[in-house]
């Protein structure tokens, strides 16, 4: 098996045969070439978002939220803990310039990172906004919705199915393009690329950052972790001159805290 524990031990102590070393270098070169190609693959230029009527979007959100929570046999409650944040987020998705006036360092061109405790409504917000986009055929409210745990599981499964390192490349490619909402960033397991442990979401965020700089690709995510905890998870083992996640987060995202007690039963 490629990159097995035994193979990695051989590599570490210089015990590889010339043929094994040649194969390993070829695999590494293939992986590097793949990621360079992916980084340089252009996406279609996105149509500029239109400004939606803010009050209309707020009313639609409230109506959709009531229906969403009713299916879960819960009431949609707007209170002092979420009222201001819901207002801010509706301004953002309406593409209303007032968002940049009321949010410190807020920029409509960036994505959104909702950070807060479990159960405060982060995931629900994105799912409700997505449902409004589908119901009214509003492309700027369309985005892929996927949990970070699912991405890691798919990556490991594809590697196993293809029985080779790099088999999960298609998973990375799928989620490195287009507008995507990543649910529960930081909760995912470390991916296993045939014995090589890697923080898969770190790689995906790096690629999406490059696309954001090049063509403005937006990324949305929710997380139960603080920025400091995310940096520790994704950059903890990196060399000092390779620690970039902190910088990437603030360049890619409007970081919005959603605090309060859990609203789950």
Protein backbone atom coordinates (compact mmCIF):
# COMPACT_ATOMS: atom_id res chain seq x y z
CA UNK A 1 0.00 0.00 0.00
CA UNK A 2 1.31 3.44 -0.94
CA UNK A 3 2.36 5.69 1.94
CA UNK A 4 1.70 2.97 4.51
CA UNK A 5 3.20 3.22 7.98
CA UNK A 6 5.98 0.80 7.00
CA UNK A 7 6.76 2.81 3.89
CA UNK A 8 6.92 6.05 5.86
CA UNK A 9 9.31 4.46 8.37
CA UNK A 10 11.55 3.39 5.47
CA UNK A 11 11.46 6.91 4.09
CA UNK A 12 12.28 8.48 7.46
CA UNK A 13 15.33 6.28 8.08
CA UNK A 14 16.56 6.16 4.48
CA UNK A 15 15.73 2.48 3.99
CA UNK A 16 13.79 2.80 0.73
CA UNK A 17 14.95 0.86 -2.30
CA UNK A 18 15.82 3.00 -5.35
CA UNK A 19 12.57 1.89 -6.99
CA UNK A 20 10.48 2.82 -3.92
CA UNK A 21 12.12 6.24 -3.74
CA UNK A 22 11.51 6.81 -7.44
CA UNK A 23 7.82 5.92 -7.07
CA UNK A 24 7.42 8.18 -4.02
CA UNK A 25 8.98 11.17 -5.79
CA UNK A 26 6.75 10.55 -8.82
CA UNK A 27 3.64 10.52 -6.59
CA UNK A 28 4.70 13.73 -4.87
CA UNK A 29 5.38 15.41 -8.21
CA UNK A 30 1.96 14.34 -9.49
CA UNK A 31 0.26 15.80 -6.41
CA UNK A 32 2.14 19.11 -6.76
CA UNK A 33 1.29 19.34 -10.46
CA UNK A 34 -2.37 18.66 -9.72
CA UNK A 35 -2.67 21.40 -7.13
CA UNK A 36 -0.78 23.90 -9.31
CA UNK A 37 -3.19 23.14 -12.16
CA UNK A 38 -6.18 23.51 -9.86
CA UNK A 39 -4.92 26.84 -8.52
CA UNK A 40 -4.55 28.16 -12.06
CA UNK A 41 -7.86 26.89 -13.45
CA UNK A 42 -10.07 29.91 -14.19
CA UNK A 43 -13.72 30.07 -13.22
CA UNK A 44 -16.39 31.94 -15.16
CA UNK A 45 -16.61 35.58 -14.13
CA UNK A 46 -19.52 35.94 -11.76
CA UNK A 47 -22.43 38.27 -12.50
CA UNK A 48 -22.41 41.23 -10.14
CA UNK A 49 -24.94 40.89 -7.34
CA UNK A 50 -27.97 43.13 -7.45
CA UNK A 51 -29.26 44.98 -4.41
CA UNK A 52 -32.42 43.39 -3.03
CA UNK A 53 -35.07 45.43 -1.18
CA UNK A 54 -33.91 45.11 2.42
CA UNK A 55 -37.31 45.20 4.09
CA UNK A 56 -38.62 42.62 1.62
CA UNK A 57 -35.74 40.27 2.42
CA UNK A 58 -36.27 40.70 6.17
CA UNK A 59 -39.95 39.82 5.83
CA UNK A 60 -39.17 36.82 3.63
CA UNK A 61 -36.53 35.65 6.08
CA UNK A 62 -38.93 35.90 9.01
CA UNK A 63 -41.60 33.98 7.08
CA UNK A 64 -39.15 31.29 5.92
CA UNK A 65 -37.63 31.00 9.40
CA UNK A 66 -41.03 30.40 11.01
CA UNK A 67 -41.73 27.61 8.50
CA UNK A 68 -38.23 26.17 8.98
CA UNK A 69 -38.51 25.95 12.77
CA UNK A 70 -42.10 24.75 12.64
CA UNK A 71 -40.87 21.61 10.87
CA UNK A 72 -38.63 21.03 13.88
CA UNK A 73 -41.52 21.76 16.26
CA UNK A 74 -39.82 24.87 17.53
CA UNK A 75 -40.68 28.56 17.46
CA UNK A 76 -38.56 31.10 15.64
CA UNK A 77 -37.65 33.70 18.25
CA UNK A 78 -36.06 37.08 17.61
CA UNK A 79 -34.63 38.56 20.80
CA UNK A 80 -31.84 40.79 22.06
CA UNK A 81 -29.25 38.06 21.45
CA UNK A 82 -29.88 37.66 17.73
CA UNK A 83 -31.87 40.70 16.51
CA UNK A 84 -28.87 42.84 15.60
CA UNK A 85 -27.00 39.97 13.93
CA UNK A 86 -30.02 38.95 11.85
CA UNK A 87 -30.34 42.57 10.71
CA UNK A 88 -26.66 42.67 9.74
CA UNK A 89 -26.85 39.39 7.84
CA UNK A 90 -29.98 40.41 5.94
CA UNK A 91 -28.21 43.62 4.89
CA UNK A 92 -25.29 41.55 3.65
CA UNK A 93 -27.36 39.11 1.60
CA UNK A 94 -29.45 41.98 0.23
CA UNK A 95 -26.14 43.43 -0.99
CA UNK A 96 -27.12 46.63 0.79
CA UNK A 97 -24.29 49.21 1.11
CA UNK A 98 -25.41 49.96 4.68
CA UNK A 99 -23.77 46.67 5.71
CA UNK A 100 -20.36 48.27 5.26
CA UNK A 101 -21.41 51.29 7.30
CA UNK A 102 -22.59 49.42 10.39
CA UNK A 103 -20.05 46.55 10.45
CA UNK A 104 -16.49 47.39 11.42
CA UNK A 105 -14.26 46.62 8.41
CA UNK A 106 -17.31 45.10 6.71
CA UNK A 107 -17.03 44.48 2.97
CA UNK A 108 -19.80 43.11 0.75
CA UNK A 109 -17.22 41.53 -1.56
CA UNK A 110 -16.04 39.18 1.20
CA UNK A 111 -17.76 36.06 2.48
CA UNK A 112 -19.29 35.47 5.90
CA UNK A 113 -17.97 33.49 8.86
CA UNK A 114 -20.55 33.02 11.62
CA UNK A 115 -18.79 32.14 14.86
CA UNK A 116 -20.51 31.19 18.10
CA UNK A 117 -21.60 28.51 20.51
CA UNK A 118 -23.44 25.32 19.55
CA UNK A 119 -27.15 25.66 18.96
CA UNK A 120 -27.40 29.44 18.54
CA UNK A 121 -28.72 29.22 14.97
CA UNK A 122 -25.66 29.54 12.71
CA UNK A 123 -26.48 26.63 10.42
CA UNK A 124 -30.18 27.44 10.45
CA UNK A 125 -29.53 30.95 9.19
CA UNK A 126 -27.69 29.79 6.08
CA UNK A 127 -30.23 27.07 5.34
CA UNK A 128 -33.11 29.55 5.63
CA UNK A 129 -31.39 32.11 3.39
CA UNK A 130 -30.64 29.36 0.88
CA UNK A 131 -34.32 28.36 0.85
CA UNK A 132 -35.33 31.95 0.02
CA UNK A 133 -32.94 31.95 -2.93
CA UNK A 134 -34.46 28.74 -4.26
CA UNK A 135 -38.07 29.80 -3.66
CA UNK A 136 -37.67 33.13 -5.47
CA UNK A 137 -35.01 32.11 -8.00
CA UNK A 138 -32.41 34.59 -6.74
CA UNK A 139 -28.96 33.38 -7.92
CA UNK A 140 -27.01 35.51 -5.44
CA UNK A 141 -28.62 33.52 -2.61
CA UNK A 142 -27.65 30.17 -4.15
CA UNK A 143 -24.74 28.27 -2.65
CA UNK A 144 -23.66 24.71 -1.97
CA UNK A 145 -24.25 23.58 1.61
CA UNK A 146 -21.91 20.94 3.04
CA UNK A 147 -20.51 19.99 6.45
CA UNK A 148 -16.75 19.89 6.87
CA UNK A 149 -17.07 16.41 8.39
CA UNK A 150 -18.76 15.20 5.17
CA UNK A 151 -15.91 16.56 3.05
CA UNK A 152 -13.28 14.70 5.06
CA UNK A 153 -15.34 11.50 4.97
CA UNK A 154 -15.73 11.78 1.18
CA UNK A 155 -12.00 12.41 0.75
CA UNK A 156 -11.03 9.34 2.78
CA UNK A 157 -13.64 7.23 0.95
CA UNK A 158 -12.38 8.28 -2.49
CA UNK A 159 -8.79 7.51 -1.54
CA UNK A 160 -9.81 4.07 -0.32
CA UNK A 161 -11.92 3.39 -3.43
CA UNK A 162 -9.10 4.38 -5.78
CA UNK A 163 -6.54 2.56 -3.61
CA UNK A 164 -3.97 5.28 -4.11
CA UNK A 165 -2.84 8.57 -2.63
CA UNK A 166 -4.49 11.47 -4.41
CA UNK A 167 -7.72 9.60 -5.05
CA UNK A 168 -9.59 12.26 -3.14
CA UNK A 169 -8.38 15.05 -5.43
CA UNK A 170 -11.82 15.34 -7.04
CA UNK A 171 -13.33 16.11 -3.63
CA UNK A 172 -10.87 18.95 -3.09
CA UNK A 173 -11.56 20.26 -6.58
CA UNK A 174 -15.34 20.18 -6.11
CA UNK A 175 -15.24 22.29 -2.96
CA UNK A 176 -12.51 24.68 -4.06
CA UNK A 177 -14.75 26.31 -6.65
CA UNK A 178 -18.04 28.18 -6.64
CA UNK A 179 -19.96 29.67 -3.75
CA UNK A 180 -20.00 27.21 -0.82
CA UNK A 181 -21.23 27.23 2.76
CA UNK A 182 -19.02 25.05 4.99
CA UNK A 183 -20.88 23.98 8.11
CA UNK A 184 -19.03 23.45 11.39
CA UNK A 185 -15.55 24.49 10.28
CA UNK A 186 -12.91 23.08 12.61
CA UNK A 187 -14.94 20.11 13.85
CA UNK A 188 -13.81 17.78 11.05
CA UNK A 189 -11.40 14.92 11.54
CA UNK A 190 -7.90 15.04 10.12
CA UNK A 191 -7.92 13.50 6.63
CA UNK A 192 -5.81 10.42 5.94
CA UNK A 193 -4.05 10.53 2.58
CA UNK A 194 -2.66 6.99 2.77
CA UNK A 195 -0.77 7.49 5.99
CA UNK A 196 -0.17 11.20 5.51
CA UNK A 197 -2.32 13.14 7.96
CA UNK A 198 -3.52 16.47 6.61
CA UNK A 199 -5.90 19.26 7.53
CA UNK A 200 -8.06 19.05 4.44
CA UNK A 201 -10.08 22.20 5.11
CA UNK A 202 -6.88 24.20 5.40
CA UNK A 203 -5.97 23.20 1.84
CA UNK A 204 -9.46 23.99 0.57
CA UNK A 205 -9.48 27.40 2.28
CA UNK A 206 -6.07 28.21 0.78
CA UNK A 207 -7.35 27.41 -2.71
CA UNK A 208 -10.55 29.33 -2.18
CA UNK A 209 -8.52 32.30 -0.95
CA UNK A 210 -6.62 32.34 -4.25
CA UNK A 211 -9.89 32.24 -6.18
CA UNK A 212 -11.30 34.99 -4.00
CA UNK A 213 -8.32 37.21 -4.86
CA UNK A 214 -8.51 36.35 -8.56
CA UNK A 215 -12.24 36.48 -9.31
CA UNK A 216 -14.05 37.21 -6.05
CA UNK A 217 -15.31 33.69 -5.24
CA UNK A 218 -17.18 33.93 -1.93
CA UNK A 219 -16.98 31.47 0.93
CA UNK A 220 -19.47 31.13 3.78
CA UNK A 221 -18.90 29.10 6.93
CA UNK A 222 -20.01 28.57 10.51
CA UNK A 223 -17.81 27.49 13.37
CA UNK A 224 -18.04 26.78 17.08
CA UNK A 225 -14.37 27.74 17.48
CA UNK A 226 -12.76 31.11 18.06
CA UNK A 227 -10.37 32.52 15.47
CA UNK A 228 -7.51 31.71 17.83
CA UNK A 229 -8.66 28.08 18.03
CA UNK A 230 -8.99 27.84 14.24
CA UNK A 231 -5.48 29.20 13.80
CA UNK A 232 -4.14 26.68 16.31
CA UNK A 233 -5.91 23.81 14.52
CA UNK A 234 -4.86 24.70 10.98
CA UNK A 235 -1.50 26.40 11.57
CA UNK A 236 -0.38 24.82 14.84
CA UNK A 237 2.23 22.55 13.24
CA UNK A 238 3.23 24.92 10.44
CA UNK A 239 6.58 26.67 10.34
CA UNK A 240 6.44 30.32 11.33
CA UNK A 241 6.82 31.61 7.76
CA UNK A 242 4.00 29.29 6.59
CA UNK A 243 1.37 30.41 9.12
CA UNK A 244 -1.22 32.13 7.00
CA UNK A 245 -4.70 31.07 8.14
CA UNK A 246 -5.21 34.04 10.48
CA UNK A 247 -4.45 36.44 7.65
CA UNK A 248 -6.59 34.48 5.15
CA UNK A 249 -9.63 34.46 7.44
CA UNK A 250 -9.75 38.23 7.80
CA UNK A 251 -9.13 38.77 4.09
CA UNK A 252 -11.82 36.28 2.96
CA UNK A 253 -14.51 36.73 5.59
CA UNK A 254 -16.60 39.23 7.43
CA UNK A 255 -16.33 37.53 10.82
CA UNK A 256 -19.69 37.86 12.59
CA UNK A 257 -20.10 36.61 16.19
CA UNK A 258 -23.44 34.99 17.02
CA UNK A 259 -23.48 34.46 20.76
CA UNK A 260 -26.06 33.41 23.32
CA UNK A 261 -27.46 30.27 24.88
CA UNK A 262 -28.33 27.20 22.84
CA UNK A 263 -31.80 27.35 21.29
CA UNK A 264 -32.01 23.61 20.85
CA UNK A 265 -34.25 21.49 23.05
